[in-house]
Structures are given as structure tokens and as C-alpha cells.
Full PDB file with SEQRES, HELIX, SHEET, SSBOND, CRYST1, ORIGX, SCALE, CONECT and MASTER records, all heavy atoms in Angstrom:
SEQRES   1 A   34  ILE SER LYS SER LEU ILE SER PRO ILE THR THR LEU TYR          
SEQRES   2 A   34  SER LEU ILE ALA TRP LEU MET ILE ILE PHE LEU ALA ILE          
SEQRES   3 A   34  SER ILE ARG LYS LYS THR PRO VAL                              
HELIX    1 AA1 THR A   10  SER A   27  1                                  18    
CRYST1    1.000    1.000    1.000  90.00  90.00  90.00 P 1           1          
ORIGX1      1.000000  0.000000  0.000000        0.00000                         
ORIGX2      0.000000  1.000000  0.000000        0.00000                         
ORIGX3      0.000000  0.000000  1.000000        0.00000                         
SCALE1      1.000000  0.000000  0.000000        0.00000                         
SCALE2      0.000000  1.000000  0.000000        0.00000                         
SCALE3      0.000000  0.000000  1.000000        0.00000                         
ATOM      1  N   ILE A   1      88.109  81.112 108.419  1.00  0.00           N  
ATOM      2  CA  ILE A   1      87.446  80.905 107.127  1.00  0.00           C  
ATOM      3  C   ILE A   1      86.449  82.028 106.891  1.00  0.00           C  
ATOM      4  O   ILE A   1      85.654  82.373 107.782  1.00  0.00           O  
ATOM      5  CB  ILE A   1      86.732  79.544 107.098  1.00  0.00           C  
ATOM      6  CG1 ILE A   1      87.751  78.411 107.213  1.00  0.00           C  
ATOM      7  CG2 ILE A   1      85.913  79.382 105.814  1.00  0.00           C  
ATOM      8  CD1 ILE A   1      87.124  77.036 107.346  1.00  0.00           C  
ATOM      9  N   SER A   2      86.473  82.613 105.718  1.00  0.00           N  
ATOM     10  CA  SER A   2      85.543  83.694 105.364  1.00  0.00           C  
ATOM     11  C   SER A   2      84.212  83.100 104.918  1.00  0.00           C  
ATOM     12  O   SER A   2      84.147  82.413 103.898  1.00  0.00           O  
ATOM     13  CB  SER A   2      86.133  84.553 104.252  1.00  0.00           C  
ATOM     14  OG  SER A   2      87.321  85.181 104.669  1.00  0.00           O  
ATOM     15  N   LYS A   3      83.176  83.368 105.683  1.00  0.00           N  
ATOM     16  CA  LYS A   3      81.839  82.875 105.337  1.00  0.00           C  
ATOM     17  C   LYS A   3      81.151  83.773 104.319  1.00  0.00           C  
ATOM     18  O   LYS A   3      80.261  83.336 103.581  1.00  0.00           O  
ATOM     19  CB  LYS A   3      80.974  82.767 106.596  1.00  0.00           C  
ATOM     20  CG  LYS A   3      81.540  81.836 107.662  1.00  0.00           C  
ATOM     21  CD  LYS A   3      81.629  80.409 107.141  1.00  0.00           C  
ATOM     22  CE  LYS A   3      82.166  79.451 108.214  1.00  0.00           C  
ATOM     23  NZ  LYS A   3      82.237  78.055 107.726  1.00  0.00           N  
ATOM     24  N   SER A   4      81.572  85.034 104.280  1.00  0.00           N  
ATOM     25  CA  SER A   4      81.054  86.000 103.306  1.00  0.00           C  
ATOM     26  C   SER A   4      82.029  87.166 103.237  1.00  0.00           C  
ATOM     27  O   SER A   4      83.057  87.173 103.932  1.00  0.00           O  
ATOM     28  CB  SER A   4      79.660  86.491 103.714  1.00  0.00           C  
ATOM     29  OG  SER A   4      79.751  87.288 104.877  1.00  0.00           O  
ATOM     30  N   LEU A   5      81.708  88.179 102.451  1.00  0.00           N  
ATOM     31  CA  LEU A   5      82.598  89.329 102.330  1.00  0.00           C  
ATOM     32  C   LEU A   5      82.694  90.138 103.613  1.00  0.00           C  
ATOM     33  O   LEU A   5      83.651  90.899 103.816  1.00  0.00           O  
ATOM     34  CB  LEU A   5      82.143  90.234 101.184  1.00  0.00           C  
ATOM     35  CG  LEU A   5      82.459  89.757  99.761  1.00  0.00           C  
ATOM     36  CD1 LEU A   5      81.904  90.726  98.732  1.00  0.00           C  
ATOM     37  CD2 LEU A   5      83.965  89.585  99.565  1.00  0.00           C  
ATOM     38  N   ILE A   6      81.704  90.008 104.499  1.00  0.00           N  
ATOM     39  CA  ILE A   6      81.729  90.791 105.742  1.00  0.00           C  
ATOM     40  C   ILE A   6      81.876  89.909 106.983  1.00  0.00           C  
ATOM     41  O   ILE A   6      81.746  90.393 108.106  1.00  0.00           O  
ATOM     42  CB  ILE A   6      80.457  91.660 105.869  1.00  0.00           C  
ATOM     43  CG1 ILE A   6      79.197  90.792 105.809  1.00  0.00           C  
ATOM     44  CG2 ILE A   6      80.426  92.728 104.790  1.00  0.00           C  
ATOM     45  CD1 ILE A   6      77.924  91.571 106.109  1.00  0.00           C  
ATOM     46  N   SER A   7      82.137  88.631 106.773  1.00  0.00           N  
ATOM     47  CA  SER A   7      82.310  87.724 107.909  1.00  0.00           C  
ATOM     48  C   SER A   7      83.523  86.820 107.687  1.00  0.00           C  
ATOM     49  O   SER A   7      83.400  85.756 107.077  1.00  0.00           O  
ATOM     50  CB  SER A   7      81.053  86.874 108.117  1.00  0.00           C  
ATOM     51  OG  SER A   7      81.226  85.958 109.176  1.00  0.00           O  
ATOM     52  N   PRO A   8      84.721  87.256 108.125  1.00  0.00           N  
ATOM     53  CA  PRO A   8      85.022  88.495 108.861  1.00  0.00           C  
ATOM     54  C   PRO A   8      85.135  89.691 107.918  1.00  0.00           C  
ATOM     55  O   PRO A   8      85.300  89.521 106.708  1.00  0.00           O  
ATOM     56  CB  PRO A   8      86.361  88.179 109.518  1.00  0.00           C  
ATOM     57  CG  PRO A   8      87.013  87.240 108.561  1.00  0.00           C  
ATOM     58  CD  PRO A   8      85.914  86.395 108.000  1.00  0.00           C  
ATOM     59  N   ILE A   9      85.104  90.891 108.472  1.00  0.00           N  
ATOM     60  CA  ILE A   9      85.143  92.115 107.677  1.00  0.00           C  
ATOM     61  C   ILE A   9      86.476  92.282 106.946  1.00  0.00           C  
ATOM     62  O   ILE A   9      86.561  93.008 105.943  1.00  0.00           O  
ATOM     63  CB  ILE A   9      84.854  93.347 108.577  1.00  0.00           C  
ATOM     64  CG1 ILE A   9      84.543  94.589 107.728  1.00  0.00           C  
ATOM     65  CG2 ILE A   9      86.015  93.572 109.538  1.00  0.00           C  
ATOM     66  CD1 ILE A   9      83.302  94.462 106.875  1.00  0.00           C  
ATOM     67  N   THR A  10      87.527  91.614 107.427  1.00  0.00           N  
ATOM     68  CA  THR A  10      88.828  91.701 106.759  1.00  0.00           C  
ATOM     69  C   THR A  10      88.760  91.182 105.315  1.00  0.00           C  
ATOM     70  O   THR A  10      89.598  91.551 104.488  1.00  0.00           O  
ATOM     71  CB  THR A  10      89.891  90.902 107.531  1.00  0.00           C  
ATOM     72  OG1 THR A  10      89.392  89.589 107.799  1.00  0.00           O  
ATOM     73  CG2 THR A  10      90.253  91.579 108.837  1.00  0.00           C  
ATOM     74  N   THR A  11      87.770  90.341 105.026  1.00  0.00           N  
ATOM     75  CA  THR A  11      87.599  89.851 103.649  1.00  0.00           C  
ATOM     76  C   THR A  11      87.270  91.006 102.715  1.00  0.00           C  
ATOM     77  O   THR A  11      87.864  91.134 101.639  1.00  0.00           O  
ATOM     78  CB  THR A  11      86.478  88.795 103.583  1.00  0.00           C  
ATOM     79  OG1 THR A  11      86.657  87.830 104.620  1.00  0.00           O  
ATOM     80  CG2 THR A  11      86.457  88.104 102.235  1.00  0.00           C  
ATOM     81  N   LEU A  12      86.347  91.856 103.129  1.00  0.00           N  
ATOM     82  CA  LEU A  12      85.977  93.018 102.319  1.00  0.00           C  
ATOM     83  C   LEU A  12      87.136  93.991 102.204  1.00  0.00           C  
ATOM     84  O   LEU A  12      87.420  94.512 101.117  1.00  0.00           O  
ATOM     85  CB  LEU A  12      84.755  93.716 102.928  1.00  0.00           C  
ATOM     86  CG  LEU A  12      84.239  94.955 102.175  1.00  0.00           C  
ATOM     87  CD1 LEU A  12      83.816  94.592 100.749  1.00  0.00           C  
ATOM     88  CD2 LEU A  12      83.085  95.597 102.937  1.00  0.00           C  
ATOM     89  N   TYR A  13      87.819  94.242 103.323  1.00  0.00           N  
ATOM     90  CA  TYR A  13      88.968  95.152 103.292  1.00  0.00           C  
ATOM     91  C   TYR A  13      90.047  94.632 102.331  1.00  0.00           C  
ATOM     92  O   TYR A  13      90.647  95.403 101.572  1.00  0.00           O  
ATOM     93  CB  TYR A  13      89.562  95.310 104.695  1.00  0.00           C  
ATOM     94  CG  TYR A  13      88.664  95.983 105.691  1.00  0.00           C  
ATOM     95  CD1 TYR A  13      88.818  95.754 107.068  1.00  0.00           C  
ATOM     96  CD2 TYR A  13      87.655  96.854 105.278  1.00  0.00           C  
ATOM     97  CE1 TYR A  13      87.995  96.374 107.994  1.00  0.00           C  
ATOM     98  CE2 TYR A  13      86.825  97.472 106.202  1.00  0.00           C  
ATOM     99  CZ  TYR A  13      86.992  97.225 107.554  1.00  0.00           C  
ATOM    100  OH  TYR A  13      86.179  97.842 108.477  1.00  0.00           O  
ATOM    101  N   SER A  14      90.301  93.339 102.375  1.00  0.00           N  
ATOM    102  CA  SER A  14      91.317  92.748 101.503  1.00  0.00           C  
ATOM    103  C   SER A  14      90.917  92.858 100.044  1.00  0.00           C  
ATOM    104  O   SER A  14      91.752  93.164  99.178  1.00  0.00           O  
ATOM    105  CB  SER A  14      91.547  91.274 101.876  1.00  0.00           C  
ATOM    106  OG  SER A  14      92.028  91.151 103.191  1.00  0.00           O  
ATOM    107  N   LEU A  15      89.637  92.614  99.748  1.00  0.00           N  
ATOM    108  CA  LEU A  15      89.157  92.724  98.371  1.00  0.00           C  
ATOM    109  C   LEU A  15      89.315  94.149  97.856  1.00  0.00           C  
ATOM    110  O   LEU A  15      89.782  94.368  96.725  1.00  0.00           O  
ATOM    111  CB  LEU A  15      87.689  92.288  98.291  1.00  0.00           C  
ATOM    112  CG  LEU A  15      87.029  92.400  96.915  1.00  0.00           C  
ATOM    113  CD1 LEU A  15      87.739  91.514  95.887  1.00  0.00           C  
ATOM    114  CD2 LEU A  15      85.545  92.044  96.989  1.00  0.00           C  
ATOM    115  N   ILE A  16      88.950  95.131  98.674  1.00  0.00           N  
ATOM    116  CA  ILE A  16      89.085  96.545  98.278  1.00  0.00           C  
ATOM    117  C   ILE A  16      90.560  96.880  98.039  1.00  0.00           C  
ATOM    118  O   ILE A  16      90.905  97.552  97.055  1.00  0.00           O  
ATOM    119  CB  ILE A  16      88.482  97.467  99.356  1.00  0.00           C  
ATOM    120  CG1 ILE A  16      86.958  97.281  99.412  1.00  0.00           C  
ATOM    121  CG2 ILE A  16      88.831  98.927  99.076  1.00  0.00           C  
ATOM    122  CD1 ILE A  16      86.293  98.008 100.574  1.00  0.00           C  
ATOM    123  N   ALA A  17      91.422  96.395  98.921  1.00  0.00           N  
ATOM    124  CA  ALA A  17      92.866  96.652  98.768  1.00  0.00           C  
ATOM    125  C   ALA A  17      93.385  96.054  97.466  1.00  0.00           C  
ATOM    126  O   ALA A  17      94.150  96.708  96.740  1.00  0.00           O  
ATOM    127  CB  ALA A  17      93.624  96.085  99.963  1.00  0.00           C  
ATOM    128  N   TRP A  18      92.967  94.820  97.146  1.00  0.00           N  
ATOM    129  CA  TRP A  18      93.410  94.186  95.900  1.00  0.00           C  
ATOM    130  C   TRP A  18      92.916  94.964  94.683  1.00  0.00           C  
ATOM    131  O   TRP A  18      93.671  95.169  93.721  1.00  0.00           O  
ATOM    132  CB  TRP A  18      92.916  92.741  95.825  1.00  0.00           C  
ATOM    133  CG  TRP A  18      93.777  91.765  96.554  1.00  0.00           C  
ATOM    134  CD1 TRP A  18      93.420  90.946  97.578  1.00  0.00           C  
ATOM    135  CD2 TRP A  18      95.169  91.520  96.322  1.00  0.00           C  
ATOM    136  NE1 TRP A  18      94.490  90.210  98.003  1.00  0.00           N  
ATOM    137  CE2 TRP A  18      95.576  90.529  97.246  1.00  0.00           C  
ATOM    138  CE3 TRP A  18      96.106  92.023  95.432  1.00  0.00           C  
ATOM    139  CZ2 TRP A  18      96.883  90.044  97.297  1.00  0.00           C  
ATOM    140  CZ3 TRP A  18      97.418  91.560  95.487  1.00  0.00           C  
ATOM    141  CH2 TRP A  18      97.793  90.582  96.400  1.00  0.00           C  
ATOM    142  N   LEU A  19      91.671  95.406  94.707  1.00  0.00           N  
ATOM    143  CA  LEU A  19      91.118  96.158  93.573  1.00  0.00           C  
ATOM    144  C   LEU A  19      91.865  97.472  93.381  1.00  0.00           C  
ATOM    145  O   LEU A  19      92.140  97.892  92.251  1.00  0.00           O  
ATOM    146  CB  LEU A  19      89.625  96.413  93.783  1.00  0.00           C  
ATOM    147  CG  LEU A  19      88.721  95.167  93.724  1.00  0.00           C  
ATOM    148  CD1 LEU A  19      87.285  95.529  94.067  1.00  0.00           C  
ATOM    149  CD2 LEU A  19      88.794  94.518  92.343  1.00  0.00           C  
ATOM    150  N   MET A  20      92.231  98.122  94.476  1.00  0.00           N  
ATOM    151  CA  MET A  20      92.981  99.383  94.393  1.00  0.00           C  
ATOM    152  C   MET A  20      94.377  99.146  93.822  1.00  0.00           C  
ATOM    153  O   MET A  20      94.857  99.911  92.971  1.00  0.00           O  
ATOM    154  CB  MET A  20      93.067 100.033  95.779  1.00  0.00           C  
ATOM    155  CG  MET A  20      91.743 100.567  96.301  1.00  0.00           C  
ATOM    156  SD  MET A  20      91.855 101.168  98.009  1.00  0.00           S  
ATOM    157  CE  MET A  20      93.010 102.527  97.824  1.00  0.00           C  
ATOM    158  N   ILE A  21      95.048  98.088  94.276  1.00  0.00           N  
ATOM    159  CA  ILE A  21      96.390  97.776  93.769  1.00  0.00           C  
ATOM    160  C   ILE A  21      96.342  97.442  92.285  1.00  0.00           C  
ATOM    161  O   ILE A  21      97.178  97.904  91.499  1.00  0.00           O  
ATOM    162  CB  ILE A  21      97.009  96.603  94.570  1.00  0.00           C  
ATOM    163  CG1 ILE A  21      97.253  97.014  96.021  1.00  0.00           C  
ATOM    164  CG2 ILE A  21      98.326  96.154  93.924  1.00  0.00           C  
ATOM    165  CD1 ILE A  21      97.636  95.861  96.929  1.00  0.00           C  
ATOM    166  N   ILE A  22      95.346  96.640  91.887  1.00  0.00           N  
ATOM    167  CA  ILE A  22      95.208  96.263  90.476  1.00  0.00           C  
ATOM    168  C   ILE A  22      94.929  97.492  89.617  1.00  0.00           C  
ATOM    169  O   ILE A  22      95.532  97.674  88.543  1.00  0.00           O  
ATOM    170  CB  ILE A  22      94.085  95.214  90.310  1.00  0.00           C  
ATOM    171  CG1 ILE A  22      94.504  93.889  90.957  1.00  0.00           C  
ATOM    172  CG2 ILE A  22      93.749  94.998  88.837  1.00  0.00           C  
ATOM    173  CD1 ILE A  22      93.377  92.883  91.076  1.00  0.00           C  
ATOM    174  N   PHE A  23      94.040  98.368  90.084  1.00  0.00           N  
ATOM    175  CA  PHE A  23      93.718  99.594  89.340  1.00  0.00           C  
ATOM    176  C   PHE A  23      94.950 100.481  89.183  1.00  0.00           C  
ATOM    177  O   PHE A  23      95.224 101.001  88.098  1.00  0.00           O  
ATOM    178  CB  PHE A  23      92.599 100.359  90.061  1.00  0.00           C  
ATOM    179  CG  PHE A  23      92.271 101.676  89.420  1.00  0.00           C  
ATOM    180  CD1 PHE A  23      91.500 101.728  88.266  1.00  0.00           C  
ATOM    181  CD2 PHE A  23      92.744 102.874  89.954  1.00  0.00           C  
ATOM    182  CE1 PHE A  23      91.199 102.948  87.658  1.00  0.00           C  
ATOM    183  CE2 PHE A  23      92.459 104.086  89.363  1.00  0.00           C  
ATOM    184  CZ  PHE A  23      91.678 104.119  88.206  1.00  0.00           C  
ATOM    185  N   LEU A  24      95.720 100.626  90.264  1.00  0.00           N  
ATOM    186  CA  LEU A  24      96.939 101.446  90.210  1.00  0.00           C  
ATOM    187  C   LEU A  24      97.950 100.852  89.241  1.00  0.00           C  
ATOM    188  O   LEU A  24      98.534 101.579  88.419  1.00  0.00           O  
ATOM    189  CB  LEU A  24      97.551 101.541  91.606  1.00  0.00           C  
ATOM    190  CG  LEU A  24      98.902 102.266  91.705  1.00  0.00           C  
ATOM    191  CD1 LEU A  24      98.744 103.740  91.310  1.00  0.00           C  
ATOM    192  CD2 LEU A  24      99.473 102.149  93.120  1.00  0.00           C  
ATOM    193  N   ALA A  25      98.147  99.532  89.318  1.00  0.00           N  
ATOM    194  CA  ALA A  25      99.134  98.886  88.457  1.00  0.00           C  
ATOM    195  C   ALA A  25      98.780  99.036  86.979  1.00  0.00           C  
ATOM    196  O   ALA A  25      99.656  99.278  86.139  1.00  0.00           O  
ATOM    197  CB  ALA A  25      99.247  97.408  88.817  1.00  0.00           C  
ATOM    198  N   ILE A  26      97.499  98.908  86.656  1.00  0.00           N  
ATOM    199  CA  ILE A  26      97.050  99.055  85.261  1.00  0.00           C  
ATOM    200  C   ILE A  26      97.163 100.509  84.821  1.00  0.00           C  
ATOM    201  O   ILE A  26      97.568 100.799  83.680  1.00  0.00           O  
ATOM    202  CB  ILE A  26      95.616  98.528  85.097  1.00  0.00           C  
ATOM    203  CG1 ILE A  26      95.586  97.010  85.328  1.00  0.00           C  
ATOM    204  CG2 ILE A  26      95.063  98.859  83.713  1.00  0.00           C  
ATOM    205  CD1 ILE A  26      94.196  96.412  85.335  1.00  0.00           C  
ATOM    206  N   SER A  27      96.840 101.430  85.718  1.00  0.00           N  
ATOM    207  CA  SER A  27      96.833 102.862  85.368  1.00  0.00           C  
ATOM    208  C   SER A  27      98.226 103.386  85.017  1.00  0.00           C  
ATOM    209  O   SER A  27      98.370 104.228  84.126  1.00  0.00           O  
ATOM    210  CB  SER A  27      96.260 103.685  86.529  1.00  0.00           C  
ATOM    211  OG  SER A  27      94.933 103.299  86.802  1.00  0.00           O  
ATOM    212  N   ILE A  28      99.254 102.887  85.704  1.00  0.00           N  
ATOM    213  CA  ILE A  28     100.603 103.427  85.494  1.00  0.00           C  
ATOM    214  C   ILE A  28     101.491 102.474  84.696  1.00  0.00           C  
ATOM    215  O   ILE A  28     102.711 102.654  84.656  1.00  0.00           O  
ATOM    216  CB  ILE A  28     101.271 103.758  86.845  1.00  0.00           C  
ATOM    217  CG1 ILE A  28     101.492 102.488  87.676  1.00  0.00           C  
ATOM    218  CG2 ILE A  28     100.444 104.771  87.614  1.00  0.00           C  
ATOM    219  CD1 ILE A  28     102.279 102.732  88.955  1.00  0.00           C  
ATOM    220  N   ARG A  29     100.878 101.486  84.037  1.00  0.00           N  
ATOM    221  CA  ARG A  29     101.681 100.448  83.372  1.00  0.00           C  
ATOM    222  C   ARG A  29     102.575 101.001  82.270  1.00  0.00           C  
ATOM    223  O   ARG A  29     103.680 100.489  82.058  1.00  0.00           O  
ATOM    224  CB  ARG A  29     100.774  99.355  82.815  1.00  0.00           C  
ATOM    225  CG  ARG A  29      99.914  99.776  81.638  1.00  0.00           C  
ATOM    226  CD  ARG A  29      98.918  98.713  81.262  1.00  0.00           C  
ATOM    227  NE  ARG A  29      98.171  99.054  80.060  1.00  0.00           N  
ATOM    228  CZ  ARG A  29      97.149  99.886  80.022  1.00  0.00           C  
ATOM    229  NH1 ARG A  29      96.753 100.492  81.141  1.00  0.00           N  
ATOM    230  NH2 ARG A  29      96.518 100.140  78.887  1.00  0.00           N  
ATOM    231  N   LYS A  30     102.126 102.051  81.566  1.00  0.00           N  
ATOM    232  CA  LYS A  30     102.940 102.589  80.472  1.00  0.00           C  
ATOM    233  C   LYS A  30     104.116 103.402  81.011  1.00  0.00           C  
ATOM    234  O   LYS A  30     105.197 103.400  80.426  1.00  0.00           O  
ATOM    235  CB  LYS A  30     102.086 103.440  79.536  1.00  0.00           C  
ATOM    236  CG  LYS A  30     101.073 102.613  78.743  1.00  0.00           C  
ATOM    237  CD  LYS A  30     100.297 103.471  77.763  1.00  0.00           C  
ATOM    238  CE  LYS A  30      99.319 102.625  76.961  1.00  0.00           C  
ATOM    239  NZ  LYS A  30      98.519 103.431  76.012  1.00  0.00           N  
ATOM    240  N   LYS A  31     103.886 104.065  82.129  1.00  0.00           N  
ATOM    241  CA  LYS A  31     104.946 104.862  82.735  1.00  0.00           C  
ATOM    242  C   LYS A  31     105.951 103.964  83.449  1.00  0.00           C  
ATOM    243  O   LYS A  31     107.165 104.167  83.356  1.00  0.00           O  
ATOM    244  CB  LYS A  31     104.343 105.871  83.706  1.00  0.00           C  
ATOM    245  CG  LYS A  31     105.371 106.803  84.332  1.00  0.00           C  
ATOM    246  CD  LYS A  31     104.710 107.810  85.255  1.00  0.00           C  
ATOM    247  CE  LYS A  31     105.740 108.740  85.871  1.00  0.00           C  
ATOM    248  NZ  LYS A  31     105.101 109.716  86.806  1.00  0.00           N  
ATOM    249  N   THR A  32     105.447 102.966  84.160  1.00  0.00           N  
ATOM    250  CA  THR A  32     106.313 102.032  84.890  1.00  0.00           C  
ATOM    251  C   THR A  32     105.612 100.673  84.982  1.00  0.00           C  
ATOM    252  O   THR A  32     104.792 100.463  85.886  1.00  0.00           O  
ATOM    253  CB  THR A  32     106.676 102.569  86.296  1.00  0.00           C  
ATOM    254  OG1 THR A  32     107.360 101.544  87.023  1.00  0.00           O  
ATOM    255  CG2 THR A  32     105.466 103.036  87.058  1.00  0.00           C  
ATOM    256  N   PRO A  33     105.904  99.779  84.064  1.00  0.00           N  
ATOM    257  CA  PRO A  33     105.217  98.481  84.025  1.00  0.00           C  
ATOM    258  C   PRO A  33     105.678  97.481  85.075  1.00  0.00           C  
ATOM    259  O   PRO A  33     105.121  96.394  85.170  1.00  0.00           O  
ATOM    260  CB  PRO A  33     105.551  97.967  82.621  1.00  0.00           C  
ATOM    261  CG  PRO A  33     106.858  98.592  82.283  1.00  0.00           C  
ATOM    262  CD  PRO A  33     106.835  99.942  82.933  1.00  0.00           C  
ATOM    263  N   VAL A  34     106.692  97.837  85.873  1.00  0.00           N  
ATOM    264  CA  VAL A  34     107.240  96.888  86.847  1.00  0.00           C  
ATOM    265  C   VAL A  34     106.195  96.503  87.895  1.00  0.00           C  
ATOM    266  O   VAL A  34     106.125  95.344  88.315  1.00  0.00           O  
ATOM    267  CB  VAL A  34     108.500  97.469  87.518  1.00  0.00           C  
ATOM    268  CG1 VAL A  34     108.986  96.558  88.648  1.00  0.00           C  
ATOM    269  CG2 VAL A  34     109.599  97.654  86.482  1.00  0.00           C  
TER     270      VAL A  34                                                      
MASTER        0    0    0    1    0    0    0    6  269    1    0    3          
END                                                                             
């Protein structure tokens, strides 16, 4: 169970990964919306 964003640290890593994926998907949506 994640008690905070850094406990365990994988919570923060996962959040950063999700934000990067979301940013990439939005950025290239017109070129490739899949």
C-alpha cells in the first residue's frame, strides 16, 4: 500500500511514467491518434 508518493518510491516513479505517457499521447494525437 502506498502511504505517500515516496513510500514506496515506486509510487512516484509510476506517476512520472504515467504523466510522460499521457503527454506523449496528447502530443502526437494528430499524427497518430491510436
